[in-house]
Amino acid sequence: QAQVEESGGGLVQFGGSLRLSCAASGNSMRYFPMGWFRQSPGKGREAVSCINLDGTTYYTDAVKGRFTISRDNAKSTMYLQMNSLRPEDTAIYYCATAKPPIPLGGVSCQPESFQTWGRGTQVTVSP
């Protein structure tokens, strides 16, 4: 079974930037849509951004214009460039691969549509 591992989290000041990476084992990533999700204390896991095989993307409203998702299938790696970070972005960030079968219109960017979760990487934004 495919595995994924997140990296790139850390402590950053308000307005700063971070780039998260999600490395997938083998060639599994090239066959599935991928997604970034986050979970902060006391809250459920929420979708941040997803990317389909054709490159189409989804962003939750809270990160539009600030975050950019991308994927490099040759490197089996997905990225999340996070700019203009805010304290409310503080959370553990997870990446995951979509559950098959994938709808023709692309994956629904919600946690229930994904599997193969990593252990997460902590992002903390100070005021």
C-alpha atoms as a PDB file:
ATOM      1  CA  GLN A   1       0.000   0.000   0.000  1.00  0.00           C
ATOM      2  CA  ALA A   2       1.203   3.488  -0.816  1.00  0.00           C
ATOM      3  CA  GLN A   3       2.578   5.676   1.958  1.00  0.00           C
ATOM      4  CA  VAL A   4       2.946   9.429   2.210  1.00  0.00           C
ATOM      5  CA  GLU A   5       5.108  11.600   4.429  1.00  0.00           C
ATOM      6  CA  GLU A   6       4.775  15.316   5.077  1.00  0.00           C
ATOM      7  CA  SER A   7       7.613  17.721   5.786  1.00  0.00           C
ATOM      8  CA  GLY A   8       8.360  21.432   5.815  1.00  0.00           C
ATOM      9  CA  GLY A   9       6.337  22.588   8.784  1.00  0.00           C
ATOM     10  CA  GLY A  10       7.680  24.908  11.438  1.00  0.00           C
ATOM     11  CA  LEU A  11       7.272  28.136  13.365  1.00  0.00           C
ATOM     12  CA  VAL A  12       6.831  31.314  11.348  1.00  0.00           C
ATOM     13  CA  GLN A  13       5.724  34.846  12.090  1.00  0.00           C
ATOM     14  CA  PHE A  14       2.520  36.448  10.867  1.00  0.00           C
ATOM     15  CA  GLY A  15       2.870  37.206   7.172  1.00  0.00           C
ATOM     16  CA  GLY A  16       5.636  34.669   6.637  1.00  0.00           C
ATOM     17  CA  SER A  17       5.844  31.745   4.247  1.00  0.00           C
ATOM     18  CA  LEU A  18       6.394  28.013   4.377  1.00  0.00           C
ATOM     19  CA  ARG A  19       6.527  25.296   1.755  1.00  0.00           C
ATOM     20  CA  LEU A  20       5.170  21.910   2.696  1.00  0.00           C
ATOM     21  CA  SER A  21       6.146  18.747   0.846  1.00  0.00           C
ATOM     22  CA  CYS A  22       4.382  15.413   0.638  1.00  0.00           C
ATOM     23  CA  ALA A  23       6.500  12.507  -0.576  1.00  0.00           C
ATOM     24  CA  ALA A  24       4.656   9.406  -1.795  1.00  0.00           C
ATOM     25  CA  SER A  25       6.136   5.957  -1.995  1.00  0.00           C
ATOM     26  CA  GLY A  26       6.656   4.301  -5.349  1.00  0.00           C
ATOM     27  CA  ASN A  27       4.693   5.588  -8.317  1.00  0.00           C
ATOM     28  CA  SER A  28       1.355   5.647  -6.527  1.00  0.00           C
ATOM     29  CA  MET A  29       0.939   9.417  -6.612  1.00  0.00           C
ATOM     30  CA  ARG A  30       0.696   9.691 -10.378  1.00  0.00           C
ATOM     31  CA  TYR A  31      -2.505   7.656 -10.393  1.00  0.00           C
ATOM     32  CA  PHE A  32      -4.483   9.546  -7.754  1.00  0.00           C
ATOM     33  CA  PRO A  33      -5.682  13.013  -6.929  1.00  0.00           C
ATOM     34  CA  MET A  34      -3.948  14.337  -3.834  1.00  0.00           C
ATOM     35  CA  GLY A  35      -4.960  16.679  -1.069  1.00  0.00           C
ATOM     36  CA  TRP A  36      -3.787  18.785   1.845  1.00  0.00           C
ATOM     37  CA  PHE A  37      -5.824  18.904   5.017  1.00  0.00           C
ATOM     38  CA  ARG A  38      -5.319  20.449   8.418  1.00  0.00           C
ATOM     39  CA  GLN A  39      -6.481  19.979  11.955  1.00  0.00           C
ATOM     40  CA  SER A  40      -6.159  22.399  14.833  1.00  0.00           C
ATOM     41  CA  PRO A  41      -6.844  21.617  18.514  1.00  0.00           C
ATOM     42  CA  GLY A  42     -10.527  21.068  19.223  1.00  0.00           C
ATOM     43  CA  LYS A  43     -11.503  21.051  15.569  1.00  0.00           C
ATOM     44  CA  GLY A  44     -12.123  18.391  12.981  1.00  0.00           C
ATOM     45  CA  ARG A  45      -9.895  17.749  10.020  1.00  0.00           C
ATOM     46  CA  GLU A  46     -10.665  20.189   7.216  1.00  0.00           C
ATOM     47  CA  ALA A  47      -9.726  20.396   3.580  1.00  0.00           C
ATOM     48  CA  VAL A  48      -7.161  22.987   2.568  1.00  0.00           C
ATOM     49  CA  SER A  49      -6.480  22.210  -1.083  1.00  0.00           C
ATOM     50  CA  CYS A  50      -6.701  19.346  -3.547  1.00  0.00           C
ATOM     51  CA  ILE A  51      -5.246  18.678  -6.976  1.00  0.00           C
ATOM     52  CA  ASN A  52      -6.638  16.316  -9.577  1.00  0.00           C
ATOM     53  CA  LEU A  53      -4.700  14.279 -12.117  1.00  0.00           C
ATOM     54  CA  ASP A  54      -5.455  16.841 -14.823  1.00  0.00           C
ATOM     55  CA  GLY A  55      -4.014  19.600 -12.646  1.00  0.00           C
ATOM     56  CA  THR A  56      -7.286  21.213 -11.678  1.00  0.00           C
ATOM     57  CA  THR A  57      -7.250  22.498  -8.146  1.00  0.00           C
ATOM     58  CA  TYR A  58      -9.530  23.334  -5.257  1.00  0.00           C
ATOM     59  CA  TYR A  59      -8.838  25.726  -2.389  1.00  0.00           C
ATOM     60  CA  THR A  60     -10.896  26.383   0.664  1.00  0.00           C
ATOM     61  CA  ASP A  61     -11.964  30.019   0.815  1.00  0.00           C
ATOM     62  CA  ALA A  62      -9.751  30.768   3.812  1.00  0.00           C
ATOM     63  CA  VAL A  63      -6.539  30.133   1.838  1.00  0.00           C
ATOM     64  CA  LYS A  64      -7.451  31.329  -1.670  1.00  0.00           C
ATOM     65  CA  GLY A  65      -4.890  33.730  -3.016  1.00  0.00           C
ATOM     66  CA  ARG A  66      -2.356  32.780  -0.332  1.00  0.00           C
ATOM     67  CA  PHE A  67      -1.698  29.045  -0.802  1.00  0.00           C
ATOM     68  CA  THR A  68      -0.676  27.219  -3.968  1.00  0.00           C
ATOM     69  CA  ILE A  69      -0.825  23.467  -4.444  1.00  0.00           C
ATOM     70  CA  SER A  70       1.311  21.669  -7.009  1.00  0.00           C
ATOM     71  CA  ARG A  71       2.532  18.190  -7.803  1.00  0.00           C
ATOM     72  CA  ASP A  72       5.581  16.686  -9.473  1.00  0.00           C
ATOM     73  CA  ASN A  73       4.684  13.158 -10.508  1.00  0.00           C
ATOM     74  CA  ALA A  74       8.236  12.416 -11.633  1.00  0.00           C
ATOM     75  CA  LYS A  75       9.402  13.058  -8.086  1.00  0.00           C
ATOM     76  CA  SER A  76       6.288  11.545  -6.491  1.00  0.00           C
ATOM     77  CA  THR A  77       5.971  14.734  -4.471  1.00  0.00           C
ATOM     78  CA  MET A  78       3.200  17.227  -3.840  1.00  0.00           C
ATOM     79  CA  TYR A  79       3.752  20.720  -2.483  1.00  0.00           C
ATOM     80  CA  LEU A  80       1.819  23.407  -0.680  1.00  0.00           C
ATOM     81  CA  GLN A  81       3.308  26.885  -0.906  1.00  0.00           C
ATOM     82  CA  MET A  82       1.852  28.949   1.916  1.00  0.00           C
ATOM     83  CA  ASN A  83       2.284  32.708   1.840  1.00  0.00           C
ATOM     84  CA  SER A  84       0.908  35.513   4.008  1.00  0.00           C
ATOM     85  CA  LEU A  85       0.437  33.098   6.858  1.00  0.00           C
ATOM     86  CA  ARG A  86      -1.918  33.987   9.676  1.00  0.00           C
ATOM     87  CA  PRO A  87      -2.250  32.670  13.243  1.00  0.00           C
ATOM     88  CA  GLU A  88      -5.484  30.940  12.224  1.00  0.00           C
ATOM     89  CA  ASP A  89      -3.447  28.793   9.809  1.00  0.00           C
ATOM     90  CA  THR A  90      -1.821  27.136  12.829  1.00  0.00           C
ATOM     91  CA  ALA A  91      -2.560  23.411  12.641  1.00  0.00           C
ATOM     92  CA  ILE A  92      -1.154  20.016  11.859  1.00  0.00           C
ATOM     93  CA  TYR A  93      -1.110  19.651   8.087  1.00  0.00           C
ATOM     94  CA  TYR A  94      -1.700  16.264   6.492  1.00  0.00           C
ATOM     95  CA  CYS A  95      -1.481  15.010   2.947  1.00  0.00           C
ATOM     96  CA  ALA A  96      -3.436  12.114   1.521  1.00  0.00           C
ATOM     97  CA  THR A  97      -4.262  10.259  -1.669  1.00  0.00           C
ATOM     98  CA  ALA A  98      -7.819  10.004  -2.960  1.00  0.00           C
ATOM     99  CA  LYS A  99      -9.862   6.832  -2.566  1.00  0.00           C
ATOM    100  CA  PRO A 100     -10.712   5.048  -5.780  1.00  0.00           C
ATOM    101  CA  PRO A 101     -12.870   5.115  -7.778  1.00  0.00           C
ATOM    102  CA  ILE A 102     -12.331   8.742  -8.724  1.00  0.00           C
ATOM    103  CA  PRO A 103     -15.399  10.554 -10.123  1.00  0.00           C
ATOM    104  CA  LEU A 104     -15.106  11.749 -13.711  1.00  0.00           C
ATOM    105  CA  GLY A 105     -15.441  15.339 -12.582  1.00  0.00           C
ATOM    106  CA  GLY A 106     -12.569  15.006 -10.144  1.00  0.00           C
ATOM    107  CA  VAL A 107     -12.295  14.174  -6.496  1.00  0.00           C
ATOM    108  CA  SER A 108     -14.416  15.869  -3.868  1.00  0.00           C
ATOM    109  CA  CYS A 109     -11.979  17.715  -1.653  1.00  0.00           C
ATOM    110  CA  GLN A 110     -13.112  16.444   1.713  1.00  0.00           C
ATOM    111  CA  PRO A 111     -11.414  14.094   4.167  1.00  0.00           C
ATOM    112  CA  GLU A 112     -13.930  11.280   3.594  1.00  0.00           C
ATOM    113  CA  SER A 113     -12.789  11.000  -0.029  1.00  0.00           C
ATOM    114  CA  PHE A 114      -9.161  10.370   0.898  1.00  0.00           C
ATOM    115  CA  GLN A 115      -7.037   7.602   2.335  1.00  0.00           C
ATOM    116  CA  THR A 116      -3.360   6.849   2.921  1.00  0.00           C
ATOM    117  CA  TRP A 117      -2.770   9.639   5.414  1.00  0.00           C
ATOM    118  CA  GLY A 118       0.630  10.788   6.564  1.00  0.00           C
ATOM    119  CA  ARG A 119       1.466  11.566  10.181  1.00  0.00           C
ATOM    120  CA  GLY A 120       1.327  15.295   9.599  1.00  0.00           C
ATOM    121  CA  THR A 121       3.615  18.272   9.983  1.00  0.00           C
ATOM    122  CA  GLN A 122       3.033  21.063  12.502  1.00  0.00           C
ATOM    123  CA  VAL A 123       2.640  24.621  11.256  1.00  0.00           C
ATOM    124  CA  THR A 124       2.616  27.358  13.880  1.00  0.00           C
ATOM    125  CA  VAL A 125       2.120  31.022  13.014  1.00  0.00           C
ATOM    126  CA  SER A 126       2.875  33.537  15.721  1.00  0.00           C
ATOM    127  CA  PRO A 127       1.014  36.877  15.874  1.00  0.00           C
END
